[in-house]
Amino acid sequence: MDDDVKKLHNVAYFAGALAYGAEQNLGKGSLSICFLAGKKFGLEAVDNTEQTDDPIKALDILNKDLAKRGIMWEFDPFPGERENLVEQEGDTRKMRLVFRTCMIRNALFTFAHEQELSLCQMAHGVFAGAMEKVIPNAVVKLETIQAGPNSCLKEMIWEEKK
């Protein structure tokens, strides 16, 4: 195993241990704290100047901006059985995404830690914060539909800031 992989495994183990400790001490309250911490990072993680209201283009912009920062995170629209990629419910829009690679998921498996808890919420926050920089005047959140060892199905939900 090369040094970079060893370092990544050590970081993953440490992050998993921190998440586990936070969940044990703070309970479910750690989930919102981790989401907010991730969102702050996400808002600062992208230096994009390009913005769009088109969610498909926004995903492409975000992928490129994260890649510039060394964050490789594969996510794509996933229509499933839906007629349209984007569904509108009142002021709220929703789009399903499949996350094929995820460093957080890898960290969870390294630590043998359960998915959908604090580290996943932190990743959700990072995604939401970064996406809010790309889609102007949006409030974004990400919800897990299904979490698995090889990919996760999530729903991006956004509405205009009020």
N, C-alpha and C. Protein backbone atom coordinates (compact mmCIF):
# COMPACT_ATOMS: atom_id res chain seq x y z
N MET A 1 0.86 -1.18 0.00
CA MET A 1 0.00 0.00 0.00
C MET A 1 0.90 1.24 0.00
N ASP A 2 0.64 2.17 -0.92
CA ASP A 2 1.50 3.36 -0.98
C ASP A 2 1.16 4.34 0.14
N ASP A 3 2.03 5.32 0.34
CA ASP A 3 1.89 6.25 1.46
C ASP A 3 0.61 7.07 1.40
N ASP A 4 0.21 7.51 0.19
CA ASP A 4 -1.02 8.31 0.07
C ASP A 4 -2.24 7.52 0.49
N VAL A 5 -2.31 6.25 0.10
CA VAL A 5 -3.44 5.41 0.47
C VAL A 5 -3.45 5.18 1.98
N LYS A 6 -2.28 4.96 2.56
CA LYS A 6 -2.18 4.79 4.02
C LYS A 6 -2.67 6.04 4.74
N LYS A 7 -2.25 7.22 4.24
CA LYS A 7 -2.69 8.47 4.86
C LYS A 7 -4.21 8.60 4.78
N LEU A 8 -4.78 8.28 3.62
CA LEU A 8 -6.22 8.36 3.44
C LEU A 8 -6.94 7.41 4.39
N HIS A 9 -6.43 6.20 4.54
CA HIS A 9 -7.03 5.25 5.46
C HIS A 9 -6.97 5.77 6.90
N ASN A 10 -5.85 6.39 7.27
CA ASN A 10 -5.72 6.93 8.63
C ASN A 10 -6.70 8.08 8.85
N VAL A 11 -6.84 8.96 7.85
CA VAL A 11 -7.80 10.05 7.96
C VAL A 11 -9.21 9.50 8.06
N ALA A 12 -9.51 8.49 7.25
CA ALA A 12 -10.84 7.87 7.27
C ALA A 12 -11.12 7.26 8.65
N TYR A 13 -10.15 6.57 9.21
CA TYR A 13 -10.32 5.96 10.52
C TYR A 13 -10.54 7.04 11.58
N PHE A 14 -9.76 8.10 11.54
CA PHE A 14 -9.88 9.20 12.49
C PHE A 14 -11.24 9.88 12.37
N ALA A 15 -11.67 10.15 11.13
CA ALA A 15 -12.97 10.79 10.91
C ALA A 15 -14.10 9.90 11.42
N GLY A 16 -13.99 8.62 11.17
CA GLY A 16 -15.00 7.68 11.67
C GLY A 16 -15.05 7.65 13.18
N ALA A 17 -13.89 7.67 13.81
CA ALA A 17 -13.83 7.68 15.28
C ALA A 17 -14.43 8.96 15.85
N LEU A 18 -14.14 10.10 15.22
CA LEU A 18 -14.72 11.37 15.68
C LEU A 18 -16.24 11.36 15.54
N ALA A 19 -16.71 10.87 14.40
CA ALA A 19 -18.16 10.82 14.17
C ALA A 19 -18.83 9.91 15.18
N TYR A 20 -18.25 8.78 15.42
CA TYR A 20 -18.81 7.84 16.39
C TYR A 20 -18.87 8.47 17.79
N GLY A 21 -17.77 9.14 18.18
CA GLY A 21 -17.74 9.80 19.48
C GLY A 21 -18.78 10.90 19.60
N ALA A 22 -18.94 11.69 18.53
CA ALA A 22 -19.95 12.76 18.55
C ALA A 22 -21.35 12.19 18.68
N GLU A 23 -21.62 11.13 17.94
CA GLU A 23 -22.95 10.52 18.00
C GLU A 23 -23.22 9.94 19.38
N GLN A 24 -22.21 9.35 20.01
CA GLN A 24 -22.39 8.76 21.33
C GLN A 24 -22.63 9.84 22.39
N ASN A 25 -21.95 10.98 22.26
CA ASN A 25 -22.05 12.03 23.26
C ASN A 25 -23.18 13.01 23.01
N LEU A 26 -23.46 13.30 21.76
CA LEU A 26 -24.48 14.31 21.43
C LEU A 26 -25.78 13.71 20.93
N GLY A 27 -25.79 12.42 20.65
CA GLY A 27 -26.99 11.80 20.12
C GLY A 27 -27.31 12.33 18.73
N LYS A 28 -28.60 12.38 18.43
CA LYS A 28 -29.04 12.82 17.10
C LYS A 28 -28.73 14.30 16.86
N GLY A 29 -28.44 15.06 17.90
CA GLY A 29 -28.08 16.47 17.74
C GLY A 29 -26.81 16.65 16.93
N SER A 30 -25.97 15.63 16.93
CA SER A 30 -24.73 15.72 16.15
C SER A 30 -25.01 15.77 14.65
N LEU A 31 -26.16 15.25 14.23
CA LEU A 31 -26.47 15.22 12.79
C LEU A 31 -26.62 16.63 12.23
N SER A 32 -27.38 17.49 12.94
CA SER A 32 -27.56 18.85 12.43
C SER A 32 -26.27 19.66 12.55
N ILE A 33 -25.50 19.41 13.60
CA ILE A 33 -24.21 20.10 13.76
C ILE A 33 -23.28 19.73 12.60
N CYS A 34 -23.24 18.46 12.27
CA CYS A 34 -22.37 18.00 11.18
C CYS A 34 -22.85 18.54 9.83
N PHE A 35 -24.18 18.61 9.62
CA PHE A 35 -24.71 19.17 8.38
C PHE A 35 -24.27 20.63 8.25
N LEU A 36 -24.44 21.40 9.31
CA LEU A 36 -24.08 22.83 9.27
C LEU A 36 -22.58 23.03 9.07
N ALA A 37 -21.76 22.20 9.71
CA ALA A 37 -20.31 22.29 9.52
C ALA A 37 -19.95 21.98 8.07
N GLY A 38 -20.58 20.94 7.52
CA GLY A 38 -20.34 20.59 6.12
C GLY A 38 -20.79 21.69 5.18
N LYS A 39 -21.94 22.30 5.50
CA LYS A 39 -22.47 23.35 4.63
C LYS A 39 -21.52 24.55 4.59
N LYS A 40 -20.96 24.90 5.74
CA LYS A 40 -19.99 26.00 5.78
C LYS A 40 -18.79 25.67 4.90
N PHE A 41 -18.31 24.45 5.00
CA PHE A 41 -17.19 24.04 4.16
C PHE A 41 -17.59 24.08 2.69
N GLY A 42 -18.78 23.59 2.37
CA GLY A 42 -19.26 23.57 0.99
C GLY A 42 -19.37 24.95 0.38
N LEU A 43 -19.82 25.91 1.19
CA LEU A 43 -19.93 27.29 0.71
C LEU A 43 -18.56 27.88 0.39
N GLU A 44 -17.54 27.41 1.10
CA GLU A 44 -16.18 27.91 0.88
C GLU A 44 -15.37 27.05 -0.08
N ALA A 45 -15.86 25.83 -0.37
CA ALA A 45 -15.07 24.86 -1.14
C ALA A 45 -15.01 25.17 -2.62
N VAL A 46 -16.02 25.85 -3.13
CA VAL A 46 -16.02 26.12 -4.57
C VAL A 46 -15.77 27.60 -4.82
N ASP A 47 -14.93 27.85 -5.79
CA ASP A 47 -14.59 29.22 -6.16
C ASP A 47 -15.20 29.58 -7.50
N ASN A 48 -16.31 28.96 -7.80
CA ASN A 48 -16.87 29.17 -9.13
C ASN A 48 -17.37 30.60 -9.31
N THR A 49 -17.32 31.02 -10.53
CA THR A 49 -17.91 32.31 -10.88
C THR A 49 -19.16 32.07 -11.70
N GLU A 50 -19.31 30.84 -12.20
CA GLU A 50 -20.46 30.51 -13.02
C GLU A 50 -21.62 30.05 -12.16
N GLN A 51 -22.79 30.58 -12.45
CA GLN A 51 -24.01 30.17 -11.76
C GLN A 51 -25.06 29.84 -12.80
N THR A 52 -26.04 29.04 -12.40
CA THR A 52 -27.11 28.67 -13.31
C THR A 52 -28.34 28.23 -12.52
N ASP A 53 -29.50 28.38 -13.14
CA ASP A 53 -30.73 27.85 -12.56
C ASP A 53 -31.02 26.45 -13.10
N ASP A 54 -30.26 26.01 -14.10
CA ASP A 54 -30.43 24.69 -14.69
C ASP A 54 -29.74 23.66 -13.79
N PRO A 55 -30.49 22.77 -13.15
CA PRO A 55 -29.87 21.85 -12.19
C PRO A 55 -28.89 20.86 -12.82
N ILE A 56 -29.12 20.47 -14.08
CA ILE A 56 -28.19 19.55 -14.75
C ILE A 56 -26.86 20.25 -14.99
N LYS A 57 -26.92 21.48 -15.47
CA LYS A 57 -25.70 22.26 -15.69
C LYS A 57 -25.02 22.55 -14.34
N ALA A 58 -25.82 22.79 -13.30
CA ALA A 58 -25.27 23.06 -11.97
C ALA A 58 -24.46 21.87 -11.47
N LEU A 59 -24.94 20.66 -11.72
CA LEU A 59 -24.19 19.47 -11.30
C LEU A 59 -22.84 19.40 -12.02
N ASP A 60 -22.83 19.72 -13.30
CA ASP A 60 -21.59 19.71 -14.07
C ASP A 60 -20.62 20.77 -13.54
N ILE A 61 -21.13 21.96 -13.28
CA ILE A 61 -20.29 23.04 -12.74
C ILE A 61 -19.70 22.61 -11.40
N LEU A 62 -20.54 22.04 -10.53
CA LEU A 62 -20.08 21.63 -9.21
C LEU A 62 -19.04 20.52 -9.31
N ASN A 63 -19.27 19.54 -10.15
CA ASN A 63 -18.29 18.47 -10.34
C ASN A 63 -16.93 19.03 -10.73
N LYS A 64 -16.92 19.96 -11.68
CA LYS A 64 -15.66 20.55 -12.14
C LYS A 64 -15.00 21.38 -11.05
N ASP A 65 -15.80 22.17 -10.31
CA ASP A 65 -15.23 22.99 -9.24
C ASP A 65 -14.65 22.14 -8.12
N LEU A 66 -15.34 21.08 -7.74
CA LEU A 66 -14.82 20.21 -6.69
C LEU A 66 -13.55 19.50 -7.16
N ALA A 67 -13.53 19.07 -8.42
CA ALA A 67 -12.34 18.39 -8.97
C ALA A 67 -11.11 19.31 -8.93
N LYS A 68 -11.32 20.61 -9.17
CA LYS A 68 -10.21 21.57 -9.09
C LYS A 68 -9.61 21.60 -7.69
N ARG A 69 -10.44 21.32 -6.69
CA ARG A 69 -9.98 21.32 -5.28
C ARG A 69 -9.50 19.93 -4.85
N GLY A 70 -9.48 18.99 -5.79
CA GLY A 70 -9.02 17.64 -5.46
C GLY A 70 -10.09 16.77 -4.85
N ILE A 71 -11.33 17.20 -4.92
CA ILE A 71 -12.44 16.42 -4.36
C ILE A 71 -13.10 15.67 -5.51
N MET A 72 -12.88 14.37 -5.57
CA MET A 72 -13.46 13.55 -6.63
C MET A 72 -14.70 12.86 -6.06
N TRP A 73 -15.83 13.28 -6.57
CA TRP A 73 -17.11 12.83 -6.03
C TRP A 73 -18.03 12.63 -7.22
N GLU A 74 -18.28 11.40 -7.60
CA GLU A 74 -19.10 11.13 -8.78
C GLU A 74 -20.58 11.13 -8.42
N PHE A 75 -21.32 12.09 -8.96
CA PHE A 75 -22.77 12.10 -8.80
C PHE A 75 -23.42 12.50 -10.11
N ASP A 76 -24.51 11.85 -10.40
CA ASP A 76 -25.22 12.06 -11.66
C ASP A 76 -26.72 12.03 -11.41
N PRO A 77 -27.49 12.70 -12.27
CA PRO A 77 -28.94 12.59 -12.17
C PRO A 77 -29.38 11.14 -12.35
N PHE A 78 -30.42 10.77 -11.65
CA PHE A 78 -30.95 9.41 -11.72
C PHE A 78 -32.47 9.49 -11.83
N PRO A 79 -32.99 9.37 -13.06
CA PRO A 79 -34.44 9.52 -13.22
C PRO A 79 -35.24 8.37 -12.63
N GLY A 80 -34.68 7.17 -12.63
CA GLY A 80 -35.44 6.03 -12.15
C GLY A 80 -36.73 5.89 -12.96
N GLU A 81 -37.83 5.75 -12.27
CA GLU A 81 -39.12 5.58 -12.94
C GLU A 81 -39.84 6.91 -13.17
N ARG A 82 -39.21 8.00 -12.81
CA ARG A 82 -39.84 9.31 -12.96
C ARG A 82 -39.86 9.73 -14.44
N GLU A 83 -40.89 10.48 -14.79
CA GLU A 83 -41.00 10.99 -16.15
C GLU A 83 -39.96 12.07 -16.44
N ASN A 84 -39.73 12.93 -15.46
CA ASN A 84 -38.80 14.05 -15.61
C ASN A 84 -37.70 13.95 -14.58
N LEU A 85 -36.53 14.48 -14.92
CA LEU A 85 -35.43 14.51 -13.96
C LEU A 85 -35.77 15.40 -12.76
N VAL A 86 -36.42 16.52 -13.04
CA VAL A 86 -36.76 17.47 -11.97
C VAL A 86 -38.26 17.47 -11.77
N GLU A 87 -38.67 17.27 -10.53
CA GLU A 87 -40.08 17.34 -10.18
C GLU A 87 -40.33 18.62 -9.40
N GLN A 88 -41.45 19.24 -9.65
CA GLN A 88 -41.83 20.48 -8.97
C GLN A 88 -43.03 20.19 -8.08
N GLU A 89 -42.93 20.58 -6.81
CA GLU A 89 -44.04 20.48 -5.86
C GLU A 89 -44.17 21.84 -5.19
N GLY A 90 -45.06 22.68 -5.69
CA GLY A 90 -45.18 24.03 -5.17
C GLY A 90 -43.91 24.81 -5.47
N ASP A 91 -43.29 25.37 -4.43
CA ASP A 91 -42.04 26.12 -4.58
C ASP A 91 -40.80 25.23 -4.50
N THR A 92 -41.01 23.95 -4.26
CA THR A 92 -39.90 23.02 -4.05
C THR A 92 -39.65 22.20 -5.30
N ARG A 93 -38.36 22.09 -5.65
CA ARG A 93 -37.97 21.23 -6.77
C ARG A 93 -37.11 20.10 -6.21
N LYS A 94 -37.24 18.93 -6.87
CA LYS A 94 -36.52 17.74 -6.42
C LYS A 94 -35.91 17.03 -7.62
N MET A 95 -34.71 16.49 -7.39
CA MET A 95 -34.05 15.70 -8.41
C MET A 95 -33.28 14.58 -7.71
N ARG A 96 -33.44 13.37 -8.19
CA ARG A 96 -32.69 12.24 -7.64
C ARG A 96 -31.30 12.18 -8.25
N LEU A 97 -30.35 11.82 -7.39
CA LEU A 97 -28.95 11.71 -7.80
C LEU A 97 -28.39 10.38 -7.33
N VAL A 98 -27.55 9.79 -8.14
CA VAL A 98 -26.82 8.61 -7.70
C VAL A 98 -25.38 9.06 -7.43
N PHE A 99 -24.89 8.73 -6.24
CA PHE A 99 -23.51 9.03 -5.85
C PHE A 99 -22.73 7.72 -5.98
N ARG A 100 -21.87 7.66 -7.01
CA ARG A 100 -21.16 6.42 -7.31
C ARG A 100 -19.89 6.29 -6.47
N THR A 101 -19.14 7.36 -6.32
CA THR A 101 -17.95 7.33 -5.47
C THR A 101 -18.15 8.35 -4.36
N CYS A 102 -17.69 7.99 -3.19
CA CYS A 102 -17.86 8.89 -2.05
C CYS A 102 -16.79 8.56 -1.02
N MET A 103 -15.93 9.54 -0.73
CA MET A 103 -14.88 9.32 0.25
C MET A 103 -15.48 9.06 1.64
N ILE A 104 -16.62 9.67 1.92
CA ILE A 104 -17.26 9.44 3.22
C ILE A 104 -17.70 7.99 3.34
N ARG A 105 -18.32 7.46 2.29
CA ARG A 105 -18.76 6.06 2.32
C ARG A 105 -17.54 5.16 2.54
N ASN A 106 -16.42 5.48 1.86
CA ASN A 106 -15.20 4.70 2.06
C ASN A 106 -14.71 4.79 3.50
N ALA A 107 -14.79 5.99 4.08
CA ALA A 107 -14.37 6.16 5.48
C ALA A 107 -15.26 5.34 6.40
N LEU A 108 -16.53 5.34 6.14
CA LEU A 108 -17.46 4.58 6.98
C LEU A 108 -17.15 3.09 6.94
N PHE A 109 -16.84 2.58 5.77
CA PHE A 109 -16.52 1.17 5.66
C PHE A 109 -15.17 0.85 6.30
N THR A 110 -14.22 1.78 6.22
CA THR A 110 -12.93 1.57 6.86
C THR A 110 -13.11 1.45 8.37
N PHE A 111 -14.00 2.27 8.93
CA PHE A 111 -14.23 2.27 10.38
C PHE A 111 -15.33 1.28 10.78
N ALA A 112 -16.00 0.65 9.81
CA ALA A 112 -17.15 -0.22 10.05
C ALA A 112 -18.25 0.57 10.77
N HIS A 113 -18.52 1.77 10.24
CA HIS A 113 -19.48 2.70 10.83
C HIS A 113 -20.73 2.73 9.98
N GLU A 114 -21.86 2.93 10.59
CA GLU A 114 -23.15 2.93 9.92
C GLU A 114 -23.31 4.15 9.00
N GLN A 115 -23.93 3.93 7.85
CA GLN A 115 -24.20 5.02 6.92
C GLN A 115 -25.40 5.84 7.42
N GLU A 116 -25.55 7.02 6.85
CA GLU A 116 -26.66 7.93 7.06
C GLU A 116 -26.61 8.69 8.39
N LEU A 117 -25.50 8.59 9.11
CA LEU A 117 -25.40 9.32 10.37
C LEU A 117 -24.54 10.58 10.17
N SER A 118 -23.74 10.95 11.15
CA SER A 118 -23.10 12.27 11.15
C SER A 118 -22.15 12.52 9.98
N LEU A 119 -21.33 11.54 9.59
CA LEU A 119 -20.43 11.80 8.47
C LEU A 119 -21.21 11.97 7.17
N CYS A 120 -22.26 11.20 6.98
CA CYS A 120 -23.11 11.38 5.80
C CYS A 120 -23.76 12.77 5.84
N GLN A 121 -24.21 13.18 7.02
CA GLN A 121 -24.82 14.51 7.13
C GLN A 121 -23.81 15.61 6.83
N MET A 122 -22.57 15.40 7.22
CA MET A 122 -21.54 16.38 6.90
C MET A 122 -21.35 16.46 5.39
N ALA A 123 -21.32 15.30 4.73
CA ALA A 123 -21.20 15.28 3.26
C ALA A 123 -22.41 15.94 2.62
N HIS A 124 -23.60 15.69 3.17
CA HIS A 124 -24.81 16.34 2.65
C HIS A 124 -24.68 17.86 2.76
N GLY A 125 -24.14 18.32 3.87
CA GLY A 125 -23.93 19.75 4.06
C GLY A 125 -22.94 20.32 3.06
N VAL A 126 -21.85 19.60 2.82
CA VAL A 126 -20.86 20.06 1.85
C VAL A 126 -21.52 20.20 0.48
N PHE A 127 -22.26 19.18 0.09
CA PHE A 127 -22.94 19.23 -1.21
C PHE A 127 -23.93 20.39 -1.26
N ALA A 128 -24.76 20.54 -0.23
CA ALA A 128 -25.78 21.60 -0.21
C ALA A 128 -25.14 22.98 -0.26
N GLY A 129 -24.11 23.20 0.55
CA GLY A 129 -23.44 24.50 0.55
C GLY A 129 -22.81 24.83 -0.79
N ALA A 130 -22.13 23.84 -1.37
CA ALA A 130 -21.49 24.07 -2.67
C ALA A 130 -22.54 24.31 -3.75
N MET A 131 -23.64 23.56 -3.71
CA MET A 131 -24.68 23.74 -4.72
C MET A 131 -25.36 25.10 -4.58
N GLU A 132 -25.46 25.61 -3.36
CA GLU A 132 -26.05 26.93 -3.15
C GLU A 132 -25.20 28.04 -3.78
N LYS A 133 -23.89 27.79 -3.94
CA LYS A 133 -23.05 28.76 -4.63
C LYS A 133 -23.28 28.72 -6.14
N VAL A 134 -23.71 27.58 -6.64
CA VAL A 134 -23.89 27.40 -8.09
C VAL A 134 -25.30 27.81 -8.53
N ILE A 135 -26.31 27.44 -7.75
CA ILE A 135 -27.69 27.81 -8.07
C ILE A 135 -28.01 29.07 -7.26
N PRO A 136 -28.15 30.21 -7.92
CA PRO A 136 -28.34 31.47 -7.18
C PRO A 136 -29.67 31.48 -6.41
N ASN A 137 -29.63 32.07 -5.23
CA ASN A 137 -30.81 32.25 -4.37
C ASN A 137 -31.52 30.95 -4.02
N ALA A 138 -30.77 29.86 -3.88
CA ALA A 138 -31.37 28.56 -3.56
C ALA A 138 -31.01 28.14 -2.15
N VAL A 139 -31.92 27.44 -1.52
CA VAL A 139 -31.66 26.73 -0.27
C VAL A 139 -31.73 25.26 -0.65
N VAL A 140 -30.63 24.55 -0.45
CA VAL A 140 -30.50 23.17 -0.92
C VAL A 140 -30.35 22.24 0.27
N LYS A 141 -30.96 21.07 0.16
CA LYS A 141 -30.68 20.00 1.12
C LYS A 141 -30.62 18.70 0.34
N LEU A 142 -30.05 17.70 0.95
CA LEU A 142 -29.85 16.41 0.32
C LEU A 142 -30.38 15.36 1.29
N GLU A 143 -31.22 14.47 0.80
CA GLU A 143 -31.78 13.41 1.63
C GLU A 143 -31.44 12.05 1.04
N THR A 144 -31.11 11.11 1.89
CA THR A 144 -30.79 9.76 1.45
C THR A 144 -32.08 8.99 1.19
N ILE A 145 -32.15 8.38 0.03
CA ILE A 145 -33.25 7.47 -0.29
C ILE A 145 -32.80 6.05 -0.02
N GLN A 146 -31.58 5.73 -0.49
CA GLN A 146 -31.02 4.41 -0.26
C GLN A 146 -29.51 4.52 -0.18
N ALA A 147 -28.92 3.93 0.84
CA ALA A 147 -27.47 3.93 1.01
C ALA A 147 -26.97 2.51 0.84
N GLY A 148 -25.89 2.37 0.09
CA GLY A 148 -25.34 1.03 -0.14
C GLY A 148 -23.84 1.06 -0.21
N PRO A 149 -23.24 -0.12 -0.35
CA PRO A 149 -21.78 -0.20 -0.36
C PRO A 149 -21.14 0.32 -1.65
N ASN A 150 -21.87 0.31 -2.77
CA ASN A 150 -21.29 0.70 -4.05
C ASN A 150 -21.79 2.03 -4.56
N SER A 151 -22.94 2.47 -4.10
CA SER A 151 -23.48 3.77 -4.50
C SER A 151 -24.62 4.11 -3.55
N CYS A 152 -24.99 5.37 -3.56
CA CYS A 152 -26.12 5.84 -2.76
C CYS A 152 -27.07 6.61 -3.66
N LEU A 153 -28.36 6.46 -3.40
CA LEU A 153 -29.37 7.21 -4.11
C LEU A 153 -29.87 8.29 -3.17
N LYS A 154 -29.79 9.53 -3.63
CA LYS A 154 -30.16 10.67 -2.79
C LYS A 154 -31.10 11.57 -3.57
N GLU A 155 -31.77 12.44 -2.85
CA GLU A 155 -32.64 13.40 -3.50
C GLU A 155 -32.18 14.80 -3.12
N MET A 156 -31.88 15.59 -4.16
CA MET A 156 -31.55 16.99 -3.95
C MET A 156 -32.86 17.76 -3.97
N ILE A 157 -33.06 18.53 -2.92
CA ILE A 157 -34.29 19.30 -2.77
C ILE A 157 -33.88 20.76 -2.63
N TRP A 158 -34.49 21.63 -3.43
CA TRP A 158 -34.12 23.04 -3.34
C TRP A 158 -35.33 23.92 -3.62
N GLU A 159 -35.26 25.06 -2.99
CA GLU A 159 -36.27 26.10 -3.21
C GLU A 159 -35.60 27.45 -3.12
N GLU A 160 -36.29 28.45 -3.58
CA GLU A 160 -35.75 29.80 -3.59
C GLU A 160 -35.68 30.36 -2.18
N LYS A 161 -34.59 31.10 -1.88
CA LYS A 161 -34.47 31.77 -0.57
C LYS A 161 -35.60 32.75 -0.41
N LYS A 162 -36.10 32.83 0.80
CA LYS A 162 -37.20 33.77 1.08
C LYS A 162 -36.71 34.94 1.90
